[in-house]
Amino acid sequence: MMKERILIIEDDEGMQFFLSEALQKQEYKVFSFSDAEKALTWLEKEACDLILLDIKLPGMDGIEAIDPIRGRSDAAIIVITAFGNKKLALDAIHKGAYDYFTKPFLLDEMEVTIKRALEKGRLQKELVQLRKKAIESVTFPDIIGQGHVIKQVFRQVARAAETDATVLILGETGTGKELAAHATHARSRRTNGPFIIVNCSSLSESLLESELFGHLKGAFTGACSDKVGLFDAATGGTIFLDEIDSTSQQIQLSLLRVLEDKQVRPVGSVSRKMVDVRVIASTQRDLFKLTKEGAFREDLYYRISAITITLPPLRERIEDVPLLAEHFLRKLCKQASKQPRSFSTKALESLMSYHWPGNVRELENVIKQAVLFSQEPVINQPELSIFIQNGRASQENHALKKLDDMEREHLVRVLVHTRNNKTRAARILGIPRTTLYQKMKKHLLSSDAIQEELLRQTDG
């Protein structure tokens, strides 16, 4: 990992040496100049991640230097001022500086301010990349299909994009919920803002709370510095909460408050901060049914389902299979650096006769295998059927298993998915933790056995 680069603009040689030594011990790469003009010349050719700028400088002072610095660099600026010059520091903040500290200052205080500024800079760079990726790779036509069913989805996405209302996307796994969320964002007034994806099922309750809302230093064990939450980072854009049904009641309550008040409260903070974020959520489960069972807050359900988009399974739009197959074939041939290929008529008929339980994702996987393993320019029905039959045989064998065997396999799958987090596993399964422990005991599933399965899958 490359060292982060810090530029010091300070005419006091003693202070310049002190800052350089302290930052180099923190493994930053440090550059220093005694006046703003030389630093600006350097910035025309070089880049840095943070600038420490003294306000009192010979020639051009720090306040005057901020605008030309901003024209050459997007690095965060922290100004250094003498005691009693707080007004000058605030003037610098108004001109775009991130923060300030006053001489004399504590080294620990300086390090915290620098780490916070660098973290914000890293986040901003990531958001720029996400925004660029969203603009370049996500457009409305990426939802492939011409049939009546998918055209209804087109209309739903278009209507959702015209508003700023919260959207709930429903659909089985592999139907393209994330793609529909991308398309909604890309066609909305927020298209130039960030699009941030959060997989709610992949994090524990405490980690998810910290990721979404941020935290203050010392808020909990391991919170060594302030952290900007994803809601704060997504201001001006969209946040996509995938698998929202897996969230705890506490997280659901916090989300409800954000939707109602447009404010977030970082973990460990007593104050709230305004955010301007559009929320798109998704689930493959019947969320309305979960509200009746008490597993999901009814008030939050009505908040997030202001607009509901339901993505059809592929078996309900078989007429789109040839179009999707051709799309994936072109894309995957290009990715694998293979010559363009085509399907025989029989191959397409084979694709259309299959019921695709894994939906569009399964279709793409079948085409990918065909591209990688077939040697002829035309993909024929017999070789394509091998990959389809493998999937079909796997399902048929699964259907013939004993109920106890299926229960055990599902328990293992859920526990591995949650990385052995019993609370989350019980929530996904819709059972109390005590029942989960009873079932683990029944099937001889120890925590060590689950850990071994985790390691096996990681090694694989």
Protein backbone atom coordinates (compact mmCIF):
# COMPACT_ATOMS: atom_id res chain seq x y z
CA MET A 1 0.00 0.00 0.00
CA MET A 2 1.38 3.42 -0.97
CA LYS A 3 2.18 5.84 1.82
CA GLU A 4 -0.12 8.82 2.08
CA ARG A 5 1.59 12.08 1.09
CA ILE A 6 1.45 15.16 3.30
CA LEU A 7 2.63 18.62 2.25
CA ILE A 8 3.78 21.05 4.97
CA ILE A 9 3.86 24.79 4.19
CA GLU A 10 5.50 26.38 7.26
CA ASP A 11 8.22 29.05 7.45
CA ASP A 12 9.24 28.28 11.06
CA GLU A 13 12.11 25.81 10.59
CA GLY A 14 11.68 24.38 14.08
CA MET A 15 7.96 23.76 13.58
CA GLN A 16 8.58 22.37 10.09
CA PHE A 17 11.14 19.91 11.48
CA PHE A 18 8.87 18.91 14.39
CA LEU A 19 5.90 18.22 12.09
CA SER A 20 8.04 16.32 9.55
CA GLU A 21 9.58 14.08 12.22
CA ALA A 22 6.22 13.35 13.87
CA LEU A 23 4.48 12.52 10.59
CA GLN A 24 7.32 10.38 9.25
CA LYS A 25 7.12 8.30 12.44
CA GLN A 26 3.46 7.75 11.54
CA GLU A 27 4.72 6.39 8.16
CA TYR A 28 3.46 9.27 6.04
CA LYS A 29 5.54 10.56 3.13
CA VAL A 30 6.29 14.21 3.94
CA PHE A 31 7.20 17.18 1.73
CA SER A 32 7.81 20.68 3.10
CA PHE A 33 8.24 24.26 1.89
CA SER A 34 8.79 27.52 3.73
CA ASP A 35 6.60 29.67 1.45
CA ALA A 36 3.37 29.27 -0.53
CA GLU A 37 4.80 30.17 -3.96
CA LYS A 38 7.26 27.23 -3.95
CA ALA A 39 4.55 24.89 -2.70
CA LEU A 40 2.19 25.98 -5.50
CA THR A 41 4.91 25.33 -8.09
CA TRP A 42 5.38 21.85 -6.61
CA LEU A 43 1.63 21.18 -6.69
CA GLU A 44 1.52 21.84 -10.42
CA LYS A 45 3.43 18.58 -10.99
CA GLU A 46 2.93 16.58 -7.79
CA ALA A 47 -0.06 15.28 -5.82
CA CYS A 48 -0.63 14.91 -2.11
CA ASP A 49 -3.37 13.72 0.23
CA LEU A 50 -3.20 16.44 2.89
CA ILE A 51 -1.78 19.93 3.26
CA LEU A 52 -0.72 21.53 6.57
CA LEU A 53 -0.76 25.27 5.90
CA ASP A 54 0.56 27.95 8.25
CA ILE A 55 -1.48 31.15 8.04
CA LYS A 56 1.47 33.53 8.66
CA LEU A 57 3.89 33.07 5.75
CA PRO A 58 6.35 35.36 3.96
CA GLY A 59 4.96 36.82 0.73
CA MET A 60 1.62 35.15 0.04
CA ASP A 61 -0.02 34.28 3.38
CA GLY A 62 -2.00 31.11 4.09
CA ILE A 63 -5.43 32.70 3.58
CA GLU A 64 -4.42 34.01 0.15
CA ALA A 65 -2.88 30.65 -0.77
CA ILE A 66 -6.06 28.59 -0.23
CA ASP A 67 -7.76 29.47 -3.54
CA PRO A 68 -4.72 28.73 -5.77
CA ILE A 69 -4.09 25.54 -3.78
CA ARG A 70 -7.69 24.45 -4.37
CA GLY A 71 -7.18 25.09 -8.07
CA ARG A 72 -4.25 22.67 -8.15
CA SER A 73 -5.20 20.00 -5.61
CA ASP A 74 -8.24 18.36 -4.01
CA ALA A 75 -6.23 17.47 -0.89
CA ALA A 76 -7.72 18.44 2.46
CA ILE A 77 -6.19 21.59 3.99
CA ILE A 78 -5.56 21.97 7.73
CA VAL A 79 -4.44 25.45 8.71
CA ILE A 80 -2.04 26.23 11.55
CA THR A 81 -2.48 29.49 13.42
CA ALA A 82 -0.96 31.18 16.45
CA PHE A 83 -2.90 31.49 19.68
CA GLY A 84 -5.47 34.29 19.49
CA ASN A 85 -5.94 34.11 15.71
CA LYS A 86 -9.09 32.02 15.74
CA LYS A 87 -10.87 34.47 13.42
CA LEU A 88 -8.22 33.91 10.73
CA ALA A 89 -8.64 30.16 11.14
CA LEU A 90 -12.41 30.46 10.70
CA ASP A 91 -11.85 32.62 7.61
CA ALA A 92 -9.73 29.76 6.23
CA ILE A 93 -12.52 27.28 6.97
CA HIS A 94 -14.97 29.46 5.04
CA LYS A 95 -12.57 29.47 2.08
CA GLY A 96 -12.45 25.67 1.99
CA ALA A 97 -9.98 24.50 4.66
CA TYR A 98 -11.01 21.28 6.39
CA ASP A 99 -9.96 22.16 9.97
CA TYR A 100 -7.37 24.06 12.00
CA PHE A 101 -5.26 23.75 15.10
CA THR A 102 -3.68 26.46 17.20
CA LYS A 103 -0.04 26.74 18.30
CA PRO A 104 0.98 25.44 20.70
CA PHE A 105 -0.89 22.15 20.15
CA LEU A 106 -0.77 18.62 21.50
CA LEU A 107 0.74 16.00 19.20
CA ASP A 108 -2.13 13.57 19.87
CA GLU A 109 -4.65 16.25 18.94
CA MET A 110 -2.84 16.95 15.70
CA GLU A 111 -2.65 13.24 14.78
CA VAL A 112 -6.39 12.77 15.33
CA THR A 113 -7.23 15.79 13.15
CA ILE A 114 -4.92 14.54 10.40
CA LYS A 115 -6.31 11.00 10.47
CA ARG A 116 -9.87 12.33 10.30
CA ALA A 117 -9.03 14.55 7.33
CA LEU A 118 -7.25 11.74 5.48
CA GLU A 119 -10.16 9.36 6.09
CA LYS A 120 -12.58 11.89 4.64
CA GLY A 121 -10.28 12.35 1.64
CA ARG A 122 -10.12 8.60 1.05
CA LEU A 123 -13.89 8.39 1.22
CA GLN A 124 -14.33 11.26 -1.23
CA LYS A 125 -11.96 9.58 -3.71
CA GLU A 126 -13.88 6.32 -3.42
CA LEU A 127 -17.14 8.16 -4.01
CA VAL A 128 -15.70 9.83 -7.12
CA GLN A 129 -14.78 6.38 -8.46
CA LEU A 130 -18.20 4.99 -7.60
CA ARG A 131 -19.87 7.94 -9.32
CA LYS A 132 -17.68 7.50 -12.40
CA LYS A 133 -18.43 3.79 -12.50
CA ALA A 134 -22.16 4.41 -12.12
CA ILE A 135 -22.20 6.94 -14.95
CA GLU A 136 -20.04 4.82 -17.28
CA SER A 137 -21.48 1.34 -16.70
CA VAL A 138 -25.05 1.82 -15.50
CA THR A 139 -27.63 3.09 -17.94
CA PHE A 140 -31.30 2.34 -18.27
CA PRO A 141 -30.86 0.07 -21.35
CA ASP A 142 -28.75 -2.30 -19.23
CA ILE A 143 -31.99 -3.89 -18.05
CA ILE A 144 -32.28 -6.32 -20.97
CA GLY A 145 -35.64 -7.43 -22.33
CA GLN A 146 -38.43 -6.68 -24.79
CA GLY A 147 -41.32 -8.70 -23.41
CA HIS A 148 -44.48 -7.27 -21.87
CA VAL A 149 -43.46 -8.21 -18.29
CA ILE A 150 -40.07 -6.52 -18.35
CA LYS A 151 -41.48 -3.45 -20.12
CA GLN A 152 -43.72 -3.00 -17.09
CA VAL A 153 -40.53 -2.93 -14.98
CA PHE A 154 -39.09 -0.28 -17.34
CA ARG A 155 -42.13 1.89 -16.69
CA GLN A 156 -41.87 1.37 -12.92
CA VAL A 157 -38.18 2.31 -12.89
CA ALA A 158 -38.83 5.38 -15.05
CA ARG A 159 -41.59 6.58 -12.73
CA ALA A 160 -39.43 5.97 -9.66
CA ALA A 161 -36.54 7.90 -11.21
CA GLU A 162 -38.72 10.97 -11.70
CA THR A 163 -39.36 11.29 -7.96
CA ASP A 164 -37.23 11.41 -4.84
CA ALA A 165 -39.41 8.92 -2.95
CA THR A 166 -38.08 5.84 -1.19
CA VAL A 167 -38.19 2.72 -3.38
CA LEU A 168 -38.61 -0.94 -2.42
CA ILE A 169 -37.40 -3.49 -5.01
CA LEU A 170 -38.79 -7.02 -4.69
CA GLY A 171 -37.65 -10.13 -6.51
CA GLU A 172 -36.08 -13.55 -6.24
CA THR A 173 -32.31 -13.90 -6.03
CA GLY A 174 -30.62 -13.32 -9.37
CA THR A 175 -33.40 -11.20 -10.90
CA GLY A 176 -31.35 -7.98 -11.01
CA LYS A 177 -32.48 -5.94 -8.01
CA GLU A 178 -29.16 -4.10 -7.76
CA LEU A 179 -29.28 -3.31 -11.48
CA ALA A 180 -32.78 -1.86 -11.12
CA ALA A 181 -31.55 0.28 -8.21
CA HIS A 182 -28.61 1.50 -10.33
CA ALA A 183 -30.97 2.36 -13.19
CA THR A 184 -33.31 4.28 -10.88
CA HIS A 185 -30.42 6.31 -9.50
CA ALA A 186 -28.83 6.91 -12.93
CA ARG A 187 -32.07 8.34 -14.35
CA SER A 188 -32.83 10.50 -11.29
CA ARG A 189 -31.82 14.07 -10.47
CA ARG A 190 -29.20 12.52 -8.17
CA THR A 191 -27.28 10.89 -11.03
CA ASN A 192 -24.16 12.99 -10.32
CA GLY A 193 -24.28 12.09 -6.63
CA PRO A 194 -22.83 8.95 -5.05
CA PHE A 195 -24.52 5.56 -5.29
CA ILE A 196 -23.58 3.46 -2.26
CA ILE A 197 -24.50 -0.21 -1.87
CA VAL A 198 -24.90 -1.77 1.58
CA ASN A 199 -25.47 -5.51 1.96
CA CYS A 200 -27.37 -5.52 5.24
CA SER A 201 -27.05 -9.29 5.73
CA SER A 202 -23.24 -9.29 5.63
CA LEU A 203 -22.68 -7.25 8.81
CA SER A 204 -23.53 -7.73 12.47
CA GLU A 205 -25.94 -5.26 14.08
CA SER A 206 -23.19 -3.18 15.72
CA LEU A 207 -21.02 -3.05 12.58
CA LEU A 208 -24.00 -2.17 10.39
CA GLU A 209 -24.99 0.65 12.74
CA SER A 210 -21.46 2.04 12.63
CA GLU A 211 -21.24 1.69 8.83
CA LEU A 212 -24.57 3.39 8.22
CA PHE A 213 -24.43 6.19 10.77
CA GLY A 214 -20.73 6.53 11.65
CA HIS A 215 -19.25 6.70 15.13
CA LEU A 216 -17.13 8.89 17.37
CA LYS A 217 -13.75 7.96 18.73
CA GLY A 218 -14.14 5.87 21.89
CA ALA A 219 -17.81 5.06 21.21
CA PHE A 220 -17.00 1.37 21.61
CA THR A 221 -13.99 -0.91 21.91
CA GLY A 222 -11.87 -0.54 18.79
CA ALA A 223 -13.27 2.86 17.79
CA CYS A 224 -9.84 4.54 17.60
CA SER A 225 -11.00 7.52 15.57
CA ASP A 226 -14.14 9.19 14.25
CA LYS A 227 -15.77 7.42 11.31
CA VAL A 228 -18.01 8.99 8.66
CA GLY A 229 -21.20 6.97 8.15
CA LEU A 230 -22.43 5.87 4.72
CA PHE A 231 -25.60 7.95 5.04
CA ASP A 232 -23.41 11.02 5.51
CA ALA A 233 -21.15 9.94 2.65
CA ALA A 234 -24.15 9.41 0.35
CA THR A 235 -25.51 12.93 0.84
CA GLY A 236 -26.68 14.25 -2.52
CA GLY A 237 -27.02 10.73 -3.88
CA THR A 238 -28.60 7.34 -3.21
CA ILE A 239 -27.99 4.57 -0.70
CA PHE A 240 -29.09 1.04 -1.68
CA LEU A 241 -29.96 -1.19 1.30
CA ASP A 242 -29.81 -4.72 -0.08
CA GLU A 243 -31.53 -7.49 1.95
CA ILE A 244 -33.12 -4.98 4.30
CA ASP A 245 -35.22 -7.81 5.77
CA SER A 246 -32.11 -9.08 7.60
CA THR A 247 -31.80 -5.94 9.75
CA SER A 248 -32.53 -5.99 13.48
CA GLN A 249 -35.41 -4.15 15.12
CA GLN A 250 -32.96 -1.57 16.49
CA ILE A 251 -31.49 -0.85 13.05
CA GLN A 252 -35.00 -0.68 11.61
CA LEU A 253 -35.94 1.93 14.22
CA SER A 254 -32.84 3.98 13.39
CA LEU A 255 -33.62 3.79 9.66
CA LEU A 256 -37.18 4.92 10.34
CA ARG A 257 -35.89 7.98 12.18
CA VAL A 258 -33.53 8.84 9.33
CA LEU A 259 -36.36 8.62 6.81
CA GLU A 260 -38.65 10.74 8.98
CA ASP A 261 -36.19 13.41 10.17
CA LYS A 262 -33.50 13.34 7.46
CA GLN A 263 -30.95 13.28 10.28
CA VAL A 264 -28.36 10.75 11.46
CA ARG A 265 -26.79 10.37 14.88
CA PRO A 266 -23.33 8.74 14.88
CA VAL A 267 -22.75 6.04 17.49
CA GLY A 268 -21.52 7.73 20.67
CA SER A 269 -22.76 11.19 19.68
CA VAL A 270 -25.51 13.21 21.36
CA SER A 271 -26.09 15.44 18.33
CA ARG A 272 -27.64 14.76 14.93
CA LYS A 273 -26.57 15.78 11.44
CA MET A 274 -28.78 16.58 8.44
CA VAL A 275 -28.40 14.32 5.39
CA ASP A 276 -29.91 14.52 1.93
CA VAL A 277 -30.09 10.91 0.77
CA ARG A 278 -32.52 8.88 -1.29
CA VAL A 279 -33.07 5.34 0.03
CA ILE A 280 -33.66 2.33 -2.20
CA ALA A 281 -34.16 -1.00 -0.41
CA SER A 282 -34.51 -4.55 -1.66
CA THR A 283 -35.54 -7.97 -0.42
CA GLN A 284 -36.34 -11.38 -1.86
CA ARG A 285 -38.74 -12.14 0.99
CA ASP A 286 -42.38 -11.18 1.53
CA LEU A 287 -41.83 -8.07 3.61
CA PHE A 288 -45.54 -7.48 4.22
CA LYS A 289 -45.86 -10.99 5.64
CA LEU A 290 -42.83 -10.35 7.86
CA THR A 291 -44.56 -7.28 9.31
CA LYS A 292 -47.59 -9.40 10.25
CA GLU A 293 -45.28 -11.92 11.92
CA GLY A 294 -43.55 -9.14 13.88
CA ALA A 295 -40.20 -9.74 12.18
CA PHE A 296 -40.17 -6.35 10.44
CA ARG A 297 -41.45 -2.98 11.61
CA GLU A 298 -44.74 -2.13 9.95
CA ASP A 299 -44.11 1.63 10.11
CA LEU A 300 -40.75 1.21 8.35
CA TYR A 301 -42.34 -1.06 5.73
CA TYR A 302 -44.83 1.65 4.75
CA ARG A 303 -42.03 4.22 4.72
CA ILE A 304 -39.77 2.29 2.32
CA SER A 305 -42.54 0.98 0.06
CA ALA A 306 -43.75 4.39 -1.16
CA ILE A 307 -42.83 3.05 -4.61
CA THR A 308 -42.56 -0.72 -5.09
CA ILE A 309 -40.87 -2.33 -8.09
CA THR A 310 -41.34 -6.08 -8.49
CA LEU A 311 -38.82 -7.87 -10.69
CA PRO A 312 -40.23 -10.99 -12.39
CA PRO A 313 -38.40 -14.32 -12.28
CA LEU A 314 -36.88 -15.34 -15.60
CA ARG A 315 -39.36 -18.22 -15.98
CA GLU A 316 -42.12 -15.61 -16.29
CA ARG A 317 -40.40 -13.85 -19.19
CA ILE A 318 -38.92 -16.73 -21.17
CA GLU A 319 -39.36 -14.68 -24.36
CA ASP A 320 -36.44 -12.52 -23.18
CA VAL A 321 -34.03 -15.46 -22.79
CA PRO A 322 -32.61 -15.30 -26.37
CA LEU A 323 -31.98 -11.55 -26.05
CA LEU A 324 -30.30 -11.98 -22.65
CA ALA A 325 -28.28 -14.97 -23.87
CA GLU A 326 -26.96 -13.03 -26.88
CA HIS A 327 -26.13 -10.05 -24.61
CA PHE A 328 -24.15 -12.25 -22.20
CA LEU A 329 -22.47 -14.09 -25.07
CA ARG A 330 -21.12 -10.86 -26.57
CA LYS A 331 -20.02 -9.52 -23.17
CA LEU A 332 -18.38 -12.75 -21.98
CA CYS A 333 -16.57 -13.44 -25.26
CA LYS A 334 -15.05 -9.99 -25.00
CA GLN A 335 -14.09 -10.49 -21.36
CA ALA A 336 -12.48 -13.87 -22.11
CA SER A 337 -10.72 -12.49 -25.25
CA LYS A 338 -12.54 -15.08 -27.39
CA GLN A 339 -13.68 -14.69 -30.96
CA PRO A 340 -17.37 -13.70 -31.29
CA ARG A 341 -19.67 -16.72 -31.13
CA SER A 342 -23.30 -17.52 -31.78
CA PHE A 343 -25.96 -20.02 -30.70
CA SER A 344 -27.54 -22.63 -32.90
CA THR A 345 -31.34 -22.66 -33.11
CA LYS A 346 -31.47 -25.85 -31.04
CA ALA A 347 -29.25 -24.27 -28.38
CA LEU A 348 -31.62 -21.32 -28.03
CA GLU A 349 -34.58 -23.71 -27.83
CA SER A 350 -32.77 -25.55 -25.03
CA LEU A 351 -32.27 -22.30 -23.14
CA MET A 352 -35.93 -21.39 -23.51
CA SER A 353 -37.18 -24.79 -22.33
CA TYR A 354 -35.39 -24.52 -18.98
CA HIS A 355 -37.14 -22.98 -15.96
CA TRP A 356 -34.10 -21.04 -14.58
CA PRO A 357 -34.51 -21.26 -10.79
CA GLY A 358 -31.40 -19.07 -10.43
CA ASN A 359 -32.89 -16.50 -12.79
CA VAL A 360 -30.74 -14.13 -14.89
CA ARG A 361 -27.67 -14.81 -12.75
CA GLU A 362 -27.89 -18.54 -13.50
CA LEU A 363 -28.34 -17.86 -17.23
CA GLU A 364 -25.23 -15.70 -17.25
CA ASN A 365 -23.28 -18.45 -15.47
CA VAL A 366 -24.39 -21.08 -18.01
CA ILE A 367 -23.33 -18.82 -20.90
CA LYS A 368 -20.01 -18.14 -19.18
CA GLN A 369 -19.26 -21.86 -18.94
CA ALA A 370 -20.21 -22.35 -22.58
CA VAL A 371 -17.86 -19.54 -23.64
CA LEU A 372 -14.97 -20.91 -21.60
CA PHE A 373 -15.30 -24.59 -22.55
CA SER A 374 -16.73 -24.72 -26.07
CA GLN A 375 -14.20 -24.71 -28.92
CA GLU A 376 -16.45 -24.09 -31.93
CA PRO A 377 -17.67 -20.71 -33.23
CA VAL A 378 -21.26 -21.91 -32.92
CA ILE A 379 -22.49 -23.13 -29.52
CA ASN A 380 -24.72 -26.14 -30.13
CA GLN A 381 -27.49 -27.67 -28.08
CA PRO A 382 -25.63 -30.80 -26.83
CA GLU A 383 -22.71 -28.90 -25.27
CA LEU A 384 -24.99 -26.19 -23.86
CA SER A 385 -27.30 -28.83 -22.36
CA ILE A 386 -24.41 -30.23 -20.32
CA PHE A 387 -24.34 -27.10 -18.17
CA ILE A 388 -28.14 -26.90 -17.95
CA GLN A 389 -28.46 -30.60 -17.13
CA ASN A 390 -25.85 -30.24 -14.38
CA GLY A 391 -28.03 -27.59 -12.73
CA ARG A 392 -31.21 -29.62 -13.28
CA ALA A 393 -29.66 -32.84 -11.92
CA SER A 394 -28.42 -30.97 -8.87
CA GLN A 395 -31.95 -29.72 -8.17
CA GLU A 396 -33.53 -33.14 -8.69
CA ASN A 397 -31.06 -34.77 -6.32
CA HIS A 398 -31.74 -32.03 -3.80
CA ALA A 399 -35.50 -32.68 -4.05
CA LEU A 400 -35.01 -36.39 -3.27
CA LYS A 401 -33.13 -35.80 -0.02
CA LYS A 402 -34.62 -36.48 3.38
CA LEU A 403 -36.17 -33.54 5.18
CA ASP A 404 -33.63 -33.80 8.01
CA ASP A 405 -30.75 -33.73 5.52
CA MET A 406 -32.18 -30.66 3.82
CA GLU A 407 -32.65 -28.93 7.18
CA ARG A 408 -29.05 -29.66 8.15
CA GLU A 409 -27.71 -28.37 4.82
CA HIS A 410 -29.76 -25.19 5.12
CA LEU A 411 -28.54 -24.59 8.67
CA VAL A 412 -24.93 -24.97 7.51
CA ARG A 413 -25.53 -22.64 4.56
CA VAL A 414 -27.06 -19.91 6.75
CA LEU A 415 -24.41 -20.22 9.48
CA VAL A 416 -21.61 -20.02 6.91
CA HIS A 417 -23.33 -17.05 5.25
CA THR A 418 -23.47 -15.21 8.61
CA ARG A 419 -19.92 -16.33 9.48
CA ASN A 420 -21.22 -18.30 12.47
CA ASN A 421 -23.16 -15.34 13.90
CA LYS A 422 -25.99 -17.14 15.74
CA THR A 423 -28.11 -14.03 16.27
CA ARG A 424 -28.17 -13.15 12.57
CA ALA A 425 -28.62 -16.79 11.56
CA ALA A 426 -31.66 -17.15 13.83
CA ARG A 427 -33.09 -13.92 12.43
CA ILE A 428 -32.68 -15.11 8.82
CA LEU A 429 -34.19 -18.49 9.67
CA GLY A 430 -37.07 -16.81 11.51
CA ILE A 431 -36.57 -18.80 14.71
CA PRO A 432 -35.47 -17.97 18.28
CA ARG A 433 -31.80 -18.46 19.11
CA THR A 434 -32.70 -21.22 21.55
CA THR A 435 -34.40 -23.14 18.74
CA LEU A 436 -31.32 -22.65 16.56
CA TYR A 437 -29.08 -24.11 19.26
CA GLN A 438 -31.47 -27.08 19.63
CA LYS A 439 -31.34 -27.75 15.89
CA MET A 440 -27.54 -27.45 15.84
CA LYS A 441 -27.36 -29.98 18.65
CA LYS A 442 -29.80 -32.27 16.83
CA HIS A 443 -27.66 -32.23 13.67
CA LEU A 444 -24.33 -32.39 15.55
CA LEU A 445 -23.32 -28.96 14.24
CA SER A 446 -20.71 -27.52 16.57
CA SER A 447 -19.20 -24.05 16.17
CA ASP A 448 -15.90 -25.74 15.30
CA ALA A 449 -17.58 -27.64 12.46
CA ILE A 450 -19.01 -24.42 11.03
CA GLN A 451 -15.61 -22.73 11.36
CA GLU A 452 -13.99 -25.62 9.46
CA GLU A 453 -16.58 -25.22 6.69
CA LEU A 454 -15.82 -21.48 6.56
CA LEU A 455 -12.10 -22.20 6.21
CA ARG A 456 -12.78 -24.85 3.56
CA GLN A 457 -14.84 -22.45 1.47
CA THR A 458 -12.24 -19.71 1.88
CA ASP A 459 -9.45 -22.05 0.74
CA GLY A 460 -11.61 -23.17 -2.18
